[in-house]
Amino acid sequence: MTPGAWLLLAAGVAVLLLAWTAWTLTRLRRLESRVARAWSVLDTRLQQRAALAADLASEHSAALGEDRATRLKTAAHDARQPRTGDRELAENTLGRELRTLPDELPGVPARLLTELAEADARMGLARRFYNDAVRDTHLLRLHRFPRLLRLHADRPLPRFFDVEDGLDAVTSGAGPVAR
């Protein structure tokens, strides 16, 4: 091969590497934006569920029983503003309290119970979307070339948000979930 051919080949490889790097950086930025949007939706759903649980505990404490109403009110407050800073633990506590509620509560409007069940289901779906975005970000950033070129190395990897939401049992028939 002539020196001109080698130079042309090297320039072609450099252009391909630059194009791939630009494409990967764009994809990483989009994934970062997707994670941020998914977290915003998840946070909204978590706040909505906590607000409905707090309303149920304060407005219908007689139907729940004072002990259960106090536990539910405390769990809802902690889910909104976790004392320990561990939001997942606070959300798990609230979720367990909500799952222990009986299906029928005399004196509690069916509308409130339906809204609470829907908020719980929406929170579970929002968590799945958020964790999917986090998984995609991890997969791309942990590939060999992005690690070697240190693409987005100055940004922390987003964390998964794992809580017990009951959706794992519903979706477990869909096959294994890669994490």
Protein backbone atom coordinates (compact mmCIF):
# COMPACT_ATOMS: atom_id res chain seq x y z
CA MET A 1 0.00 0.00 0.00
CA THR A 2 1.15 3.47 -0.76
CA PRO A 3 1.54 6.12 1.93
CA GLY A 4 -1.44 8.00 0.48
CA ALA A 5 -3.65 4.92 0.85
CA TRP A 6 -2.55 4.48 4.48
CA LEU A 7 -3.29 8.14 5.15
CA LEU A 8 -6.72 7.82 3.55
CA LEU A 9 -7.45 4.68 5.58
CA ALA A 10 -6.35 6.36 8.82
CA ALA A 11 -8.50 9.40 8.03
CA GLY A 12 -11.48 7.14 7.34
CA VAL A 13 -11.03 5.31 10.66
CA ALA A 14 -10.68 8.65 12.49
CA VAL A 15 -13.88 9.96 10.89
CA LEU A 16 -15.75 6.76 11.81
CA LEU A 17 -14.46 6.97 15.41
CA LEU A 18 -15.50 10.62 15.67
CA ALA A 19 -18.93 9.88 14.21
CA TRP A 20 -19.43 6.98 16.62
CA THR A 21 -18.28 9.13 19.56
CA ALA A 22 -20.66 11.95 18.61
CA TRP A 23 -23.53 9.47 18.21
CA THR A 24 -22.76 7.86 21.60
CA LEU A 25 -22.53 11.22 23.36
CA THR A 26 -25.88 12.22 21.88
CA ARG A 27 -27.39 8.95 23.02
CA LEU A 28 -25.94 9.39 26.52
CA ARG A 29 -27.42 12.90 26.73
CA ARG A 30 -30.81 11.58 25.63
CA LEU A 31 -30.65 8.78 28.18
CA GLU A 32 -29.72 11.27 30.88
CA SER A 33 -32.74 13.37 29.91
CA ARG A 34 -34.93 10.26 29.85
CA VAL A 35 -33.79 9.32 33.38
CA ALA A 36 -34.53 12.85 34.61
CA ARG A 37 -38.02 12.85 33.08
CA ALA A 38 -38.76 9.37 34.40
CA TRP A 39 -37.62 10.40 37.88
CA SER A 40 -39.85 13.45 37.76
CA VAL A 41 -42.87 11.29 36.89
CA LEU A 42 -41.94 8.71 39.54
CA ASP A 43 -41.53 11.39 42.20
CA THR A 44 -44.92 12.86 41.29
CA ARG A 45 -46.55 9.43 41.54
CA LEU A 46 -44.88 8.75 44.89
CA GLN A 47 -46.04 12.11 46.26
CA GLN A 48 -49.56 11.50 44.97
CA ARG A 49 -49.75 8.09 46.63
CA ALA A 50 -48.46 9.50 49.92
CA ALA A 51 -50.97 12.36 49.79
CA LEU A 52 -53.88 9.98 49.20
CA ALA A 53 -52.71 7.72 52.03
CA ALA A 54 -52.41 10.72 54.37
CA ASP A 55 -55.93 11.84 53.40
CA LEU A 56 -57.27 8.37 54.08
CA ALA A 57 -55.53 8.22 57.47
CA SER A 58 -56.65 11.65 58.64
CA GLU A 59 -60.18 11.78 57.25
CA HIS A 60 -61.20 8.18 57.98
CA SER A 61 -59.24 7.22 61.09
CA ALA A 62 -62.35 5.76 62.73
CA ALA A 63 -62.89 3.31 59.86
CA LEU A 64 -59.22 2.32 59.87
CA GLY A 65 -58.80 2.12 63.61
CA GLU A 66 -56.64 4.56 65.53
CA ASP A 67 -53.53 2.35 65.54
CA ARG A 68 -53.62 1.64 61.81
CA ALA A 69 -54.50 5.26 60.99
CA THR A 70 -51.53 6.50 63.03
CA ARG A 71 -49.15 4.04 61.33
CA LEU A 72 -50.50 4.98 57.89
CA LYS A 73 -50.25 8.71 58.62
CA THR A 74 -46.66 8.31 59.87
CA ALA A 75 -45.69 6.19 56.87
CA ALA A 76 -47.24 8.72 54.46
CA HIS A 77 -45.42 11.60 56.14
CA ASP A 78 -42.11 9.71 56.08
CA ALA A 79 -42.62 8.87 52.40
CA ARG A 80 -43.03 12.56 51.60
CA GLN A 81 -40.07 13.65 53.73
CA PRO A 82 -37.94 10.66 54.81
CA ARG A 83 -36.29 11.26 58.17
CA THR A 84 -33.35 8.97 57.47
CA GLY A 85 -32.91 10.10 53.88
CA ASP A 86 -33.68 6.57 52.65
CA ARG A 87 -36.66 7.15 50.41
CA GLU A 88 -36.88 3.53 49.30
CA LEU A 89 -37.24 2.35 52.89
CA ALA A 90 -39.93 4.95 53.58
CA GLU A 91 -41.82 4.01 50.40
CA ASN A 92 -41.59 0.31 51.29
CA THR A 93 -43.07 1.04 54.70
CA LEU A 94 -45.94 2.99 53.14
CA GLY A 95 -46.51 0.27 50.55
CA ARG A 96 -46.68 -2.42 53.24
CA GLU A 97 -49.19 -0.36 55.23
CA LEU A 98 -51.34 0.12 52.13
CA ARG A 99 -51.22 -3.58 51.24
CA THR A 100 -52.43 -4.55 54.72
CA LEU A 101 -55.60 -2.49 54.32
CA PRO A 102 -58.72 -4.60 53.87
CA ASP A 103 -60.51 -4.39 50.53
CA GLU A 104 -63.68 -3.10 52.15
CA LEU A 105 -63.53 -0.30 54.68
CA PRO A 106 -66.96 0.75 55.95
CA GLY A 107 -67.37 4.52 55.93
CA VAL A 108 -64.57 5.10 53.42
CA PRO A 109 -65.74 6.26 49.98
CA ALA A 110 -65.04 3.70 47.26
CA ARG A 111 -63.72 6.57 45.13
CA LEU A 112 -60.86 7.20 47.59
CA LEU A 113 -59.91 3.52 47.72
CA THR A 114 -60.03 3.33 43.91
CA GLU A 115 -57.84 6.43 43.57
CA LEU A 116 -55.38 4.95 46.05
CA ALA A 117 -55.22 1.65 44.13
CA GLU A 118 -54.75 3.51 40.85
CA ALA A 119 -52.04 5.72 42.35
CA ASP A 120 -50.26 2.61 43.60
CA ALA A 121 -50.43 0.98 40.16
CA ARG A 122 -49.23 4.17 38.43
CA MET A 123 -46.34 4.43 40.88
CA GLY A 124 -45.34 0.86 40.05
CA LEU A 125 -45.40 1.57 36.33
CA ALA A 126 -43.44 4.82 36.77
CA ARG A 127 -40.84 2.89 38.77
CA ARG A 128 -40.52 0.38 35.93
CA PHE A 129 -40.02 3.15 33.34
CA TYR A 130 -37.45 4.86 35.56
CA ASN A 131 -35.53 1.65 36.21
CA ASP A 132 -35.60 0.81 32.50
CA ALA A 133 -34.03 4.19 31.70
CA VAL A 134 -31.41 3.66 34.41
CA ARG A 135 -30.66 0.16 33.07
CA ASP A 136 -30.22 1.49 29.51
CA THR A 137 -27.86 4.19 30.79
CA HIS A 138 -25.81 1.66 32.74
CA LEU A 139 -25.58 -0.67 29.76
CA LEU A 140 -24.32 2.04 27.42
CA ARG A 141 -21.90 3.64 29.87
CA LEU A 142 -20.40 0.30 30.89
CA HIS A 143 -19.55 -0.79 27.33
CA ARG A 144 -15.87 -1.03 26.61
CA PHE A 145 -15.44 1.98 24.30
CA PRO A 146 -17.44 4.54 26.29
CA ARG A 147 -15.47 3.48 29.38
CA LEU A 148 -12.17 3.62 27.48
CA LEU A 149 -12.95 7.08 26.07
CA ARG A 150 -14.37 8.14 29.48
CA LEU A 151 -17.62 9.40 27.94
CA HIS A 152 -19.77 10.95 30.69
CA ALA A 153 -17.22 9.73 33.26
CA ASP A 154 -17.65 12.96 35.25
CA ARG A 155 -21.34 12.22 35.78
CA PRO A 156 -22.51 9.75 38.41
CA LEU A 157 -24.36 6.65 37.29
CA PRO A 158 -28.05 6.94 38.14
CA ARG A 159 -29.33 4.63 40.88
CA PHE A 160 -32.09 2.10 40.51
CA PHE A 161 -35.19 2.75 42.61
CA ASP A 162 -36.25 -0.57 44.06
CA VAL A 163 -39.35 -0.78 46.18
CA GLU A 164 -41.90 -3.50 46.81
CA ASP A 165 -44.79 -2.47 44.60
CA GLY A 166 -46.44 -5.78 43.79
CA LEU A 167 -45.85 -5.45 40.05
CA ASP A 168 -43.04 -8.01 40.06
CA ALA A 169 -45.59 -10.78 40.58
CA VAL A 170 -47.71 -9.46 37.71
CA THR A 171 -44.84 -9.17 35.24
CA SER A 172 -42.80 -12.19 36.33
CA GLY A 173 -44.41 -14.30 33.61
CA ALA A 174 -42.88 -12.00 30.97
CA GLY A 175 -39.43 -13.57 31.43
CA PRO A 176 -36.35 -12.55 33.32
CA VAL A 177 -35.68 -8.88 33.77
CA ALA A 178 -32.08 -7.90 32.96
CA ARG A 179 -30.48 -5.56 35.45
